[in-house]
Amino acid sequence: SMHSSEGHLGTAEFVESIDLQRLALENVKSALTLLDENKLNPSETLFIDDTKQHILAAEKLGIQTYWLDLSKENLLDLFE
């Protein structure tokens, strides 16, 4: 029936949102490990990435971020 397919779609969206949350959490854990291993101070660390999700994870930890918009620039442009 129409109703059961709507319920199915809702489940798929829910599962996807859980996966995204898990991914964000893993990004935060990875960033924490990186900071710790290299004795970096978050507020003195600049994180450059082209993935918005990675930027948001870094911002949660108080890291300075720069979102690289690859449609307009590349990494080398920043160091000229």
C-alpha atoms as a PDB file:
ATOM      1  CA  SER A   1       0.000   0.000   0.000  1.00  0.00           C
ATOM      2  CA  MET A   2       0.977   3.664  -0.298  1.00  0.00           C
ATOM      3  CA  HIS A   3       1.264   3.991   3.483  1.00  0.00           C
ATOM      4  CA  SER A   4       3.828   1.214   3.959  1.00  0.00           C
ATOM      5  CA  SER A   5       6.157   2.628   1.284  1.00  0.00           C
ATOM      6  CA  GLU A   6       6.139   6.008   3.079  1.00  0.00           C
ATOM      7  CA  GLY A   7       7.147   4.235   6.280  1.00  0.00           C
ATOM      8  CA  HIS A   8       9.975   2.506   4.438  1.00  0.00           C
ATOM      9  CA  LEU A   9      11.347   5.808   3.111  1.00  0.00           C
ATOM     10  CA  GLY A  10      11.269   7.278   6.604  1.00  0.00           C
ATOM     11  CA  THR A  11      13.390   4.386   7.879  1.00  0.00           C
ATOM     12  CA  ALA A  12      15.948   4.851   5.111  1.00  0.00           C
ATOM     13  CA  GLU A  13      16.289   8.561   5.922  1.00  0.00           C
ATOM     14  CA  PHE A  14      16.677   7.760   9.606  1.00  0.00           C
ATOM     15  CA  VAL A  15      19.443   5.216   8.946  1.00  0.00           C
ATOM     16  CA  GLU A  16      21.231   7.708   6.703  1.00  0.00           C
ATOM     17  CA  SER A  17      21.160  10.379   9.407  1.00  0.00           C
ATOM     18  CA  ILE A  18      22.629   7.917  11.933  1.00  0.00           C
ATOM     19  CA  ASP A  19      25.445   7.127   9.487  1.00  0.00           C
ATOM     20  CA  LEU A  20      26.169  10.839   9.016  1.00  0.00           C
ATOM     21  CA  GLN A  21      26.297  11.380  12.775  1.00  0.00           C
ATOM     22  CA  ARG A  22      28.661   8.425  13.174  1.00  0.00           C
ATOM     23  CA  LEU A  23      30.862   9.796  10.385  1.00  0.00           C
ATOM     24  CA  ALA A  24      30.968  13.233  12.022  1.00  0.00           C
ATOM     25  CA  LEU A  25      31.913  11.640  15.348  1.00  0.00           C
ATOM     26  CA  GLU A  26      34.729   9.661  13.692  1.00  0.00           C
ATOM     27  CA  ASN A  27      36.021  12.881  12.115  1.00  0.00           C
ATOM     28  CA  VAL A  28      36.096  14.558  15.534  1.00  0.00           C
ATOM     29  CA  LYS A  29      37.913  11.576  17.081  1.00  0.00           C
ATOM     30  CA  SER A  30      40.464  11.559  14.242  1.00  0.00           C
ATOM     31  CA  ALA A  31      41.085  15.287  14.692  1.00  0.00           C
ATOM     32  CA  LEU A  32      41.521  14.871  18.458  1.00  0.00           C
ATOM     33  CA  THR A  33      44.061  12.094  17.902  1.00  0.00           C
ATOM     34  CA  LEU A  34      45.953  14.222  15.380  1.00  0.00           C
ATOM     35  CA  LEU A  35      46.071  17.186  17.784  1.00  0.00           C
ATOM     36  CA  ASP A  36      47.157  14.992  20.672  1.00  0.00           C
ATOM     37  CA  GLU A  37      49.893  13.081  18.815  1.00  0.00           C
ATOM     38  CA  ASN A  38      51.407  16.290  17.469  1.00  0.00           C
ATOM     39  CA  LYS A  39      50.934  18.314  20.682  1.00  0.00           C
ATOM     40  CA  LEU A  40      48.946  20.921  18.784  1.00  0.00           C
ATOM     41  CA  ASN A  41      46.877  23.664  20.385  1.00  0.00           C
ATOM     42  CA  PRO A  42      43.478  23.765  18.584  1.00  0.00           C
ATOM     43  CA  SER A  43      43.277  27.559  18.638  1.00  0.00           C
ATOM     44  CA  GLU A  44      46.724  27.780  17.014  1.00  0.00           C
ATOM     45  CA  THR A  45      45.992  25.116  14.408  1.00  0.00           C
ATOM     46  CA  LEU A  46      44.688  25.899  10.915  1.00  0.00           C
ATOM     47  CA  PHE A  47      42.752  23.112   9.237  1.00  0.00           C
ATOM     48  CA  ILE A  48      42.230  23.438   5.480  1.00  0.00           C
ATOM     49  CA  ASP A  49      39.833  21.079   3.743  1.00  0.00           C
ATOM     50  CA  ASP A  50      37.382  20.984   0.836  1.00  0.00           C
ATOM     51  CA  THR A  51      34.795  18.895   2.710  1.00  0.00           C
ATOM     52  CA  LYS A  52      32.292  20.924   4.709  1.00  0.00           C
ATOM     53  CA  GLN A  53      31.689  18.038   7.115  1.00  0.00           C
ATOM     54  CA  HIS A  54      35.389  17.865   8.057  1.00  0.00           C
ATOM     55  CA  ILE A  55      35.439  21.633   8.579  1.00  0.00           C
ATOM     56  CA  LEU A  56      32.439  21.449  10.922  1.00  0.00           C
ATOM     57  CA  ALA A  57      34.053  18.637  12.919  1.00  0.00           C
ATOM     58  CA  ALA A  58      37.237  20.699  13.314  1.00  0.00           C
ATOM     59  CA  GLU A  59      35.265  23.798  14.335  1.00  0.00           C
ATOM     60  CA  LYS A  60      33.576  21.800  17.116  1.00  0.00           C
ATOM     61  CA  LEU A  61      37.046  21.278  18.593  1.00  0.00           C
ATOM     62  CA  GLY A  62      37.937  24.961  18.442  1.00  0.00           C
ATOM     63  CA  ILE A  63      40.329  24.552  15.521  1.00  0.00           C
ATOM     64  CA  GLN A  64      40.795  27.457  13.095  1.00  0.00           C
ATOM     65  CA  THR A  65      39.402  26.364   9.726  1.00  0.00           C
ATOM     66  CA  TYR A  66      39.493  27.382   6.106  1.00  0.00           C
ATOM     67  CA  TRP A  67      37.028  25.786   3.704  1.00  0.00           C
ATOM     68  CA  LEU A  68      38.688  25.352   0.330  1.00  0.00           C
ATOM     69  CA  ASP A  69      36.200  25.995  -2.471  1.00  0.00           C
ATOM     70  CA  LEU A  70      37.747  23.929  -5.270  1.00  0.00           C
ATOM     71  CA  SER A  71      35.501  25.539  -7.859  1.00  0.00           C
ATOM     72  CA  LYS A  72      37.320  28.846  -7.235  1.00  0.00           C
ATOM     73  CA  GLU A  73      40.773  28.011  -5.894  1.00  0.00           C
ATOM     74  CA  ASN A  74      43.221  25.257  -5.113  1.00  0.00           C
ATOM     75  CA  LEU A  75      45.521  24.648  -2.166  1.00  0.00           C
ATOM     76  CA  LEU A  76      48.576  26.124  -3.878  1.00  0.00           C
ATOM     77  CA  ASP A  77      46.764  29.462  -4.403  1.00  0.00           C
ATOM     78  CA  LEU A  78      46.709  29.928  -0.627  1.00  0.00           C
ATOM     79  CA  PHE A  79      50.492  29.896  -0.371  1.00  0.00           C
ATOM     80  CA  GLU A  80      51.281  32.383  -3.129  1.00  0.00           C
END
